[in-house]
Amino acid sequence: MIEFSLFTVPCGFSGAYNVRQCNAIDTWVRLDPKPEILLIGDECGTESIAEEYNLVHVPGVELSPLGVPLVSSTFWLAQQSAKYDIICYVNADIMLFQGFVTALARVVGQLEQFLMIGQRIDLDLDTRLETNKESWQRDLMLLARTQGELHDVRGIDYFAFRRGLYGDIPPYVIGRYCWDNWLVVDALERDVPVVDTTQGLFAIHQNHERRSRNNDDYRRNRALYKGRKASGKHGRVSSATWVLDGEELKRK
């Protein structure tokens, strides 16, 4: 049995955000074993949702001038607060299933140091999950297989690693351009095995309108990542140096 902590930075729990984020949490709390779940930040409703689901609320995250959490502060708080040494960041609208736990256990069992990533499936879903129905997981996964689309390799929504992998992270703004790619490039440059678990894991993203990219947070992230591109490495899922193929972990 693997024990791990999962952390995220939710938006305010209102309207469509509430539906998507509570759907995601509904899947996380049903993983076996149930992870420790940390909700980081001070957005509206975060503390009450943490209390409702019996999760850990971690306030005090540093923000950009536009009020969006910084990656550096988020990951520092998570690594300081997590109960377990195996921790995973996941975007707040990503639904996870038992394949996540299975994949993570296989990676942890074979690699001392690692960064586990993968692609997601994009799905139109704007209502709360009917978790009272016995078949809800099976029905949702069937819907994703028949109506969902595999997301591009450039967008990454979950990162599993051992505590201490990330220390000095530049002041990227979370949820904006290229912060996720930087995490992959940084691991690659330090020869940390980066594992693509797309095949063995089922992660579903609930589609929503894209935010405007014409603001200072996006410009800040672009400027930070532009300098990192000089290394010649690309922080994509396809950049992984290992892949989980069924039950077997292979070098690419």
C-alpha atoms as a PDB file:
ATOM      1  CA  MET A   1       0.000   0.000   0.000  1.00  0.00           C
ATOM      2  CA  ILE A   2       1.305   3.438  -0.949  1.00  0.00           C
ATOM      3  CA  GLU A   3       0.723   6.521   1.199  1.00  0.00           C
ATOM      4  CA  PHE A   4       0.847   9.912  -0.477  1.00  0.00           C
ATOM      5  CA  SER A   5      -0.304  13.511  -0.192  1.00  0.00           C
ATOM      6  CA  LEU A   6      -2.162  15.301  -2.959  1.00  0.00           C
ATOM      7  CA  PHE A   7      -2.292  19.095  -3.194  1.00  0.00           C
ATOM      8  CA  THR A   8      -4.055  21.659  -5.335  1.00  0.00           C
ATOM      9  CA  VAL A   9      -4.791  25.392  -5.525  1.00  0.00           C
ATOM     10  CA  PRO A  10      -8.505  25.869  -6.085  1.00  0.00           C
ATOM     11  CA  CYS A  11     -10.267  28.873  -7.529  1.00  0.00           C
ATOM     12  CA  GLY A  12     -13.187  30.222  -5.539  1.00  0.00           C
ATOM     13  CA  PHE A  13     -15.890  27.622  -4.922  1.00  0.00           C
ATOM     14  CA  SER A  14     -18.772  29.307  -6.744  1.00  0.00           C
ATOM     15  CA  GLY A  15     -20.783  28.635  -9.895  1.00  0.00           C
ATOM     16  CA  ALA A  16     -19.165  26.380 -12.490  1.00  0.00           C
ATOM     17  CA  TYR A  17     -15.878  26.382 -10.558  1.00  0.00           C
ATOM     18  CA  ASN A  18     -17.664  24.819  -7.605  1.00  0.00           C
ATOM     19  CA  VAL A  19     -19.121  22.069  -9.801  1.00  0.00           C
ATOM     20  CA  ARG A  20     -15.825  21.184 -11.471  1.00  0.00           C
ATOM     21  CA  GLN A  21     -13.699  21.345  -8.323  1.00  0.00           C
ATOM     22  CA  CYS A  22     -16.126  19.394  -6.155  1.00  0.00           C
ATOM     23  CA  ASN A  23     -16.377  16.766  -8.899  1.00  0.00           C
ATOM     24  CA  ALA A  24     -12.599  16.437  -8.809  1.00  0.00           C
ATOM     25  CA  ILE A  25     -12.507  16.184  -5.021  1.00  0.00           C
ATOM     26  CA  ASP A  26     -15.289  13.573  -5.140  1.00  0.00           C
ATOM     27  CA  THR A  27     -12.943  11.350  -7.158  1.00  0.00           C
ATOM     28  CA  TRP A  28      -9.842  12.024  -5.038  1.00  0.00           C
ATOM     29  CA  VAL A  29     -11.480  11.065  -1.739  1.00  0.00           C
ATOM     30  CA  ARG A  30     -12.544   7.746  -3.276  1.00  0.00           C
ATOM     31  CA  LEU A  31      -9.020   6.660  -4.194  1.00  0.00           C
ATOM     32  CA  ASP A  32      -7.788   3.605  -2.298  1.00  0.00           C
ATOM     33  CA  PRO A  33      -5.897   4.268  -0.166  1.00  0.00           C
ATOM     34  CA  LYS A  34      -7.329   7.722   0.299  1.00  0.00           C
ATOM     35  CA  PRO A  35      -4.521  10.297   0.051  1.00  0.00           C
ATOM     36  CA  GLU A  36      -4.001  13.187   2.385  1.00  0.00           C
ATOM     37  CA  ILE A  37      -5.511  16.095   0.420  1.00  0.00           C
ATOM     38  CA  LEU A  38      -4.281  19.668   0.860  1.00  0.00           C
ATOM     39  CA  LEU A  39      -6.231  22.670  -0.429  1.00  0.00           C
ATOM     40  CA  ILE A  40      -3.781  25.552  -0.685  1.00  0.00           C
ATOM     41  CA  GLY A  41      -4.821  29.195  -0.750  1.00  0.00           C
ATOM     42  CA  ASP A  42      -7.413  31.610   0.528  1.00  0.00           C
ATOM     43  CA  GLU A  43      -9.987  31.727  -2.263  1.00  0.00           C
ATOM     44  CA  CYS A  44     -13.653  31.959  -1.335  1.00  0.00           C
ATOM     45  CA  GLY A  45     -15.009  28.687   0.050  1.00  0.00           C
ATOM     46  CA  THR A  46     -11.679  26.869   0.290  1.00  0.00           C
ATOM     47  CA  GLU A  47     -11.686  26.596   4.071  1.00  0.00           C
ATOM     48  CA  SER A  48     -15.331  25.465   4.259  1.00  0.00           C
ATOM     49  CA  ILE A  49     -14.879  22.849   1.517  1.00  0.00           C
ATOM     50  CA  ALA A  50     -11.818  21.516   3.334  1.00  0.00           C
ATOM     51  CA  GLU A  51     -13.905  21.189   6.481  1.00  0.00           C
ATOM     52  CA  GLU A  52     -16.817  19.575   4.619  1.00  0.00           C
ATOM     53  CA  TYR A  53     -14.603  16.903   3.017  1.00  0.00           C
ATOM     54  CA  ASN A  54     -12.248  16.555   6.010  1.00  0.00           C
ATOM     55  CA  LEU A  55      -9.266  17.832   4.019  1.00  0.00           C
ATOM     56  CA  VAL A  56      -6.284  19.961   5.059  1.00  0.00           C
ATOM     57  CA  HIS A  57      -6.526  23.692   4.407  1.00  0.00           C
ATOM     58  CA  VAL A  58      -3.163  25.468   3.948  1.00  0.00           C
ATOM     59  CA  PRO A  59      -3.605  29.265   3.805  1.00  0.00           C
ATOM     60  CA  GLY A  60      -1.068  31.993   3.168  1.00  0.00           C
ATOM     61  CA  VAL A  61       0.088  31.299  -0.389  1.00  0.00           C
ATOM     62  CA  GLU A  62       1.978  34.164  -2.065  1.00  0.00           C
ATOM     63  CA  LEU A  63       0.194  35.844  -4.963  1.00  0.00           C
ATOM     64  CA  SER A  64       1.098  37.665  -8.158  1.00  0.00           C
ATOM     65  CA  PRO A  65       0.163  41.361  -8.461  1.00  0.00           C
ATOM     66  CA  LEU A  66      -3.047  40.166 -10.152  1.00  0.00           C
ATOM     67  CA  GLY A  67      -3.889  37.959  -7.177  1.00  0.00           C
ATOM     68  CA  VAL A  68      -3.014  34.521  -8.575  1.00  0.00           C
ATOM     69  CA  PRO A  69      -0.922  32.020  -6.534  1.00  0.00           C
ATOM     70  CA  LEU A  70       2.766  31.594  -7.337  1.00  0.00           C
ATOM     71  CA  VAL A  71       4.083  28.124  -8.154  1.00  0.00           C
ATOM     72  CA  SER A  72       7.091  28.609  -5.876  1.00  0.00           C
ATOM     73  CA  SER A  73       4.973  29.386  -2.820  1.00  0.00           C
ATOM     74  CA  THR A  74       2.441  26.655  -3.604  1.00  0.00           C
ATOM     75  CA  PHE A  75       5.056  23.911  -3.896  1.00  0.00           C
ATOM     76  CA  TRP A  76       6.981  25.164  -0.848  1.00  0.00           C
ATOM     77  CA  LEU A  77       3.842  25.134   1.310  1.00  0.00           C
ATOM     78  CA  ALA A  78       2.907  21.664   0.062  1.00  0.00           C
ATOM     79  CA  GLN A  79       6.329  20.169   0.716  1.00  0.00           C
ATOM     80  CA  GLN A  80       6.417  21.760   4.176  1.00  0.00           C
ATOM     81  CA  SER A  81       2.868  20.743   5.114  1.00  0.00           C
ATOM     82  CA  ALA A  82       2.427  17.279   3.571  1.00  0.00           C
ATOM     83  CA  LYS A  83       2.247  14.316   5.913  1.00  0.00           C
ATOM     84  CA  TYR A  84       3.824  11.913   3.426  1.00  0.00           C
ATOM     85  CA  ASP A  85       7.064  12.040   1.411  1.00  0.00           C
ATOM     86  CA  ILE A  86       5.323  11.068  -1.848  1.00  0.00           C
ATOM     87  CA  ILE A  87       3.340  14.090  -2.965  1.00  0.00           C
ATOM     88  CA  CYS A  88       1.390  15.057  -6.050  1.00  0.00           C
ATOM     89  CA  TYR A  89       0.181  18.348  -7.438  1.00  0.00           C
ATOM     90  CA  VAL A  90      -3.014  18.112  -9.464  1.00  0.00           C
ATOM     91  CA  ASN A  91      -5.023  20.890 -11.080  1.00  0.00           C
ATOM     92  CA  ALA A  92      -8.255  21.494  -9.199  1.00  0.00           C
ATOM     93  CA  ASP A  93     -10.562  20.412 -12.042  1.00  0.00           C
ATOM     94  CA  ILE A  94      -8.862  17.071 -12.792  1.00  0.00           C
ATOM     95  CA  MET A  95     -10.715  13.888 -11.865  1.00  0.00           C
ATOM     96  CA  LEU A  96      -8.516  10.916 -10.931  1.00  0.00           C
ATOM     97  CA  PHE A  97      -9.276   7.214 -10.687  1.00  0.00           C
ATOM     98  CA  GLN A  98      -7.702   4.117  -9.203  1.00  0.00           C
ATOM     99  CA  GLY A  99      -5.281   3.838 -12.107  1.00  0.00           C
ATOM    100  CA  PHE A 100      -3.491   6.851 -10.649  1.00  0.00           C
ATOM    101  CA  VAL A 101      -2.714   5.002  -7.420  1.00  0.00           C
ATOM    102  CA  THR A 102      -1.658   1.878  -9.330  1.00  0.00           C
ATOM    103  CA  ALA A 103       0.673   3.863 -11.599  1.00  0.00           C
ATOM    104  CA  LEU A 104       2.166   5.802  -8.705  1.00  0.00           C
ATOM    105  CA  ALA A 105       2.843   2.625  -6.718  1.00  0.00           C
ATOM    106  CA  ARG A 106       4.677   1.088  -9.675  1.00  0.00           C
ATOM    107  CA  VAL A 107       6.817   4.166 -10.220  1.00  0.00           C
ATOM    108  CA  VAL A 108       7.663   4.528  -6.522  1.00  0.00           C
ATOM    109  CA  GLY A 109       8.492   0.836  -6.321  1.00  0.00           C
ATOM    110  CA  GLN A 110      11.073   1.035  -9.109  1.00  0.00           C
ATOM    111  CA  LEU A 111      12.580   4.524  -8.998  1.00  0.00           C
ATOM    112  CA  GLU A 112      14.148   6.270  -6.024  1.00  0.00           C
ATOM    113  CA  GLN A 113      13.836   9.699  -7.620  1.00  0.00           C
ATOM    114  CA  PHE A 114      11.233  10.566 -10.257  1.00  0.00           C
ATOM    115  CA  LEU A 115       8.751  13.011 -11.709  1.00  0.00           C
ATOM    116  CA  MET A 116       5.516  11.336 -12.800  1.00  0.00           C
ATOM    117  CA  ILE A 117       3.417  13.142 -15.425  1.00  0.00           C
ATOM    118  CA  GLY A 118       0.939  12.301 -18.186  1.00  0.00           C
ATOM    119  CA  GLN A 119      -1.696  13.540 -20.589  1.00  0.00           C
ATOM    120  CA  ARG A 120      -5.301  14.151 -19.657  1.00  0.00           C
ATOM    121  CA  ILE A 121      -8.600  13.483 -21.393  1.00  0.00           C
ATOM    122  CA  ASP A 122     -10.713  16.585 -22.083  1.00  0.00           C
ATOM    123  CA  LEU A 123     -14.449  16.083 -21.524  1.00  0.00           C
ATOM    124  CA  ASP A 124     -17.536  18.306 -21.559  1.00  0.00           C
ATOM    125  CA  LEU A 125     -19.118  17.923 -18.125  1.00  0.00           C
ATOM    126  CA  ASP A 126     -21.061  20.697 -16.419  1.00  0.00           C
ATOM    127  CA  THR A 127     -23.063  18.866 -13.735  1.00  0.00           C
ATOM    128  CA  ARG A 128     -22.167  17.276 -10.411  1.00  0.00           C
ATOM    129  CA  LEU A 129     -21.203  13.614 -10.420  1.00  0.00           C
ATOM    130  CA  GLU A 130     -23.879  11.210  -9.199  1.00  0.00           C
ATOM    131  CA  THR A 131     -21.589   9.406  -6.805  1.00  0.00           C
ATOM    132  CA  ASN A 132     -24.582   7.792  -5.091  1.00  0.00           C
ATOM    133  CA  LYS A 133     -24.997   5.572  -8.154  1.00  0.00           C
ATOM    134  CA  GLU A 134     -23.017   2.329  -8.015  1.00  0.00           C
ATOM    135  CA  SER A 135     -22.021   2.649 -11.671  1.00  0.00           C
ATOM    136  CA  TRP A 136     -20.904   6.300 -11.580  1.00  0.00           C
ATOM    137  CA  GLN A 137     -17.203   5.626 -12.184  1.00  0.00           C
ATOM    138  CA  ARG A 138     -17.838   3.108 -14.935  1.00  0.00           C
ATOM    139  CA  ASP A 139     -20.342   5.451 -16.626  1.00  0.00           C
ATOM    140  CA  LEU A 140     -17.950   8.415 -16.419  1.00  0.00           C
ATOM    141  CA  MET A 141     -15.001   6.496 -17.827  1.00  0.00           C
ATOM    142  CA  LEU A 142     -17.163   5.189 -20.694  1.00  0.00           C
ATOM    143  CA  LEU A 143     -18.266   8.756 -21.439  1.00  0.00           C
ATOM    144  CA  ALA A 144     -14.643   9.907 -21.469  1.00  0.00           C
ATOM    145  CA  ARG A 145     -13.595   7.094 -23.806  1.00  0.00           C
ATOM    146  CA  THR A 146     -16.402   7.740 -26.273  1.00  0.00           C
ATOM    147  CA  GLN A 147     -16.697  11.539 -26.127  1.00  0.00           C
ATOM    148  CA  GLY A 148     -13.428  12.780 -24.629  1.00  0.00           C
ATOM    149  CA  GLU A 149     -10.275  13.890 -26.436  1.00  0.00           C
ATOM    150  CA  LEU A 150      -6.655  13.318 -25.433  1.00  0.00           C
ATOM    151  CA  HIS A 151      -5.056  16.663 -24.648  1.00  0.00           C
ATOM    152  CA  ASP A 152      -1.920  17.972 -26.338  1.00  0.00           C
ATOM    153  CA  VAL A 153       1.442  16.872 -24.875  1.00  0.00           C
ATOM    154  CA  ARG A 154       2.307  20.478 -23.973  1.00  0.00           C
ATOM    155  CA  GLY A 155      -0.303  20.789 -21.219  1.00  0.00           C
ATOM    156  CA  ILE A 156       0.385  18.912 -17.963  1.00  0.00           C
ATOM    157  CA  ASP A 157      -2.047  18.713 -15.064  1.00  0.00           C
ATOM    158  CA  TYR A 158      -0.441  16.439 -12.480  1.00  0.00           C
ATOM    159  CA  PHE A 159       3.063  16.019 -11.081  1.00  0.00           C
ATOM    160  CA  ALA A 160       3.983  13.298  -8.577  1.00  0.00           C
ATOM    161  CA  PHE A 161       7.397  13.308  -6.902  1.00  0.00           C
ATOM    162  CA  ARG A 162       9.238  12.817  -3.628  1.00  0.00           C
ATOM    163  CA  ARG A 163       9.346  15.660  -1.152  1.00  0.00           C
ATOM    164  CA  GLY A 164      12.361  17.874  -1.756  1.00  0.00           C
ATOM    165  CA  LEU A 165      12.517  17.491  -5.538  1.00  0.00           C
ATOM    166  CA  TYR A 166      11.669  21.162  -6.017  1.00  0.00           C
ATOM    167  CA  GLY A 167      13.353  23.924  -4.085  1.00  0.00           C
ATOM    168  CA  ASP A 168      14.181  27.182  -5.849  1.00  0.00           C
ATOM    169  CA  ILE A 169      11.320  27.648  -8.348  1.00  0.00           C
ATOM    170  CA  PRO A 170      11.201  30.921 -10.310  1.00  0.00           C
ATOM    171  CA  PRO A 171       8.171  33.180  -9.653  1.00  0.00           C
ATOM    172  CA  TYR A 172       5.855  31.581 -12.200  1.00  0.00           C
ATOM    173  CA  VAL A 173       2.127  32.201 -11.800  1.00  0.00           C
ATOM    174  CA  ILE A 174       0.169  28.987 -11.463  1.00  0.00           C
ATOM    175  CA  GLY A 175      -2.347  28.119 -14.171  1.00  0.00           C
ATOM    176  CA  ARG A 176      -0.704  30.455 -16.654  1.00  0.00           C
ATOM    177  CA  TYR A 177       1.585  29.820 -19.616  1.00  0.00           C
ATOM    178  CA  CYS A 178       4.514  27.363 -19.323  1.00  0.00           C
ATOM    179  CA  TRP A 179       4.884  26.931 -15.546  1.00  0.00           C
ATOM    180  CA  ASP A 180       4.130  23.222 -15.964  1.00  0.00           C
ATOM    181  CA  ASN A 181       6.701  22.862 -18.735  1.00  0.00           C
ATOM    182  CA  TRP A 182       9.359  24.463 -16.542  1.00  0.00           C
ATOM    183  CA  LEU A 183       8.888  21.762 -13.893  1.00  0.00           C
ATOM    184  CA  VAL A 184       9.608  19.080 -16.508  1.00  0.00           C
ATOM    185  CA  VAL A 185      12.618  20.880 -17.998  1.00  0.00           C
ATOM    186  CA  ASP A 186      14.078  21.426 -14.539  1.00  0.00           C
ATOM    187  CA  ALA A 187      13.802  17.707 -13.721  1.00  0.00           C
ATOM    188  CA  LEU A 188      15.336  16.719 -17.072  1.00  0.00           C
ATOM    189  CA  GLU A 189      18.279  19.075 -16.599  1.00  0.00           C
ATOM    190  CA  ARG A 190      19.004  17.422 -13.249  1.00  0.00           C
ATOM    191  CA  ASP A 191      18.745  13.914 -14.788  1.00  0.00           C
ATOM    192  CA  VAL A 192      15.684  13.061 -12.725  1.00  0.00           C
ATOM    193  CA  PRO A 193      13.709  10.238 -14.412  1.00  0.00           C
ATOM    194  CA  VAL A 194      10.548  11.752 -15.910  1.00  0.00           C
ATOM    195  CA  VAL A 195       7.848   9.110 -16.312  1.00  0.00           C
ATOM    196  CA  ASP A 196       4.925   9.308 -18.745  1.00  0.00           C
ATOM    197  CA  THR A 197       2.018   7.391 -17.189  1.00  0.00           C
ATOM    198  CA  THR A 198      -0.639   8.333 -19.753  1.00  0.00           C
ATOM    199  CA  GLN A 199      -1.249   4.708 -20.747  1.00  0.00           C
ATOM    200  CA  GLY A 200      -1.714   3.413 -17.227  1.00  0.00           C
ATOM    201  CA  LEU A 201      -3.673   6.296 -15.768  1.00  0.00           C
ATOM    202  CA  PHE A 202      -7.071   7.835 -16.387  1.00  0.00           C
ATOM    203  CA  ALA A 203      -7.127  11.604 -15.691  1.00  0.00           C
ATOM    204  CA  ILE A 204     -10.156  13.559 -16.888  1.00  0.00           C
ATOM    205  CA  HIS A 205     -10.251  17.318 -17.342  1.00  0.00           C
ATOM    206  CA  GLN A 206     -13.623  19.073 -17.270  1.00  0.00           C
ATOM    207  CA  ASN A 207     -13.715  21.528 -20.169  1.00  0.00           C
ATOM    208  CA  HIS A 208     -14.273  25.232 -19.545  1.00  0.00           C
ATOM    209  CA  GLU A 209     -13.752  28.562 -21.265  1.00  0.00           C
ATOM    210  CA  ARG A 210     -10.102  29.533 -21.617  1.00  0.00           C
ATOM    211  CA  ARG A 211      -8.894  32.574 -19.742  1.00  0.00           C
ATOM    212  CA  SER A 212      -7.592  35.608 -21.586  1.00  0.00           C
ATOM    213  CA  ARG A 213      -3.855  35.377 -22.170  1.00  0.00           C
ATOM    214  CA  ASN A 214      -3.401  39.105 -22.551  1.00  0.00           C
ATOM    215  CA  ASN A 215      -2.360  40.064 -19.042  1.00  0.00           C
ATOM    216  CA  ASP A 216       0.766  40.572 -16.943  1.00  0.00           C
ATOM    217  CA  ASP A 217       0.685  37.077 -15.407  1.00  0.00           C
ATOM    218  CA  TYR A 218       0.966  35.437 -18.823  1.00  0.00           C
ATOM    219  CA  ARG A 219       3.624  37.904 -19.918  1.00  0.00           C
ATOM    220  CA  ARG A 220       5.614  37.184 -16.740  1.00  0.00           C
ATOM    221  CA  ASN A 221       5.534  33.416 -17.378  1.00  0.00           C
ATOM    222  CA  ARG A 222       6.466  33.804 -21.043  1.00  0.00           C
ATOM    223  CA  ALA A 223       9.476  35.923 -20.137  1.00  0.00           C
ATOM    224  CA  LEU A 224      10.642  33.445 -17.489  1.00  0.00           C
ATOM    225  CA  TYR A 225      10.300  30.433 -19.761  1.00  0.00           C
ATOM    226  CA  LYS A 226      11.881  32.110 -22.775  1.00  0.00           C
ATOM    227  CA  GLY A 227      15.222  32.085 -21.008  1.00  0.00           C
ATOM    228  CA  ARG A 228      14.873  28.389 -20.114  1.00  0.00           C
ATOM    229  CA  LYS A 229      14.303  27.370 -23.737  1.00  0.00           C
ATOM    230  CA  ALA A 230      17.985  27.998 -24.403  1.00  0.00           C
ATOM    231  CA  SER A 231      18.739  24.575 -22.866  1.00  0.00           C
ATOM    232  CA  GLY A 232      17.202  22.911 -25.919  1.00  0.00           C
ATOM    233  CA  LYS A 233      14.917  20.757 -23.760  1.00  0.00           C
ATOM    234  CA  HIS A 234      11.138  20.827 -24.073  1.00  0.00           C
ATOM    235  CA  GLY A 235       8.965  20.354 -21.021  1.00  0.00           C
ATOM    236  CA  ARG A 236       6.276  18.227 -22.611  1.00  0.00           C
ATOM    237  CA  VAL A 237       4.808  14.842 -21.772  1.00  0.00           C
ATOM    238  CA  SER A 238       6.591  13.571 -24.882  1.00  0.00           C
ATOM    239  CA  SER A 239       9.883  14.720 -23.302  1.00  0.00           C
ATOM    240  CA  ALA A 240       9.627  11.984 -20.650  1.00  0.00           C
ATOM    241  CA  THR A 241      12.606   9.642 -20.401  1.00  0.00           C
ATOM    242  CA  TRP A 242      10.563   6.716 -19.059  1.00  0.00           C
ATOM    243  CA  VAL A 243       7.106   5.367 -19.865  1.00  0.00           C
ATOM    244  CA  LEU A 244       4.691   3.143 -17.957  1.00  0.00           C
ATOM    245  CA  ASP A 245       3.542   0.546 -20.478  1.00  0.00           C
ATOM    246  CA  GLY A 246       0.889  -1.571 -18.825  1.00  0.00           C
ATOM    247  CA  GLU A 247       2.567  -3.003 -15.742  1.00  0.00           C
ATOM    248  CA  GLU A 248       6.087  -2.418 -17.064  1.00  0.00           C
ATOM    249  CA  LEU A 249       8.186   0.692 -16.520  1.00  0.00           C
ATOM    250  CA  LYS A 250      10.523   1.211 -19.497  1.00  0.00           C
ATOM    251  CA  ARG A 251      13.244   3.636 -20.529  1.00  0.00           C
ATOM    252  CA  LYS A 252      12.345   5.443 -23.743  1.00  0.00           C
END
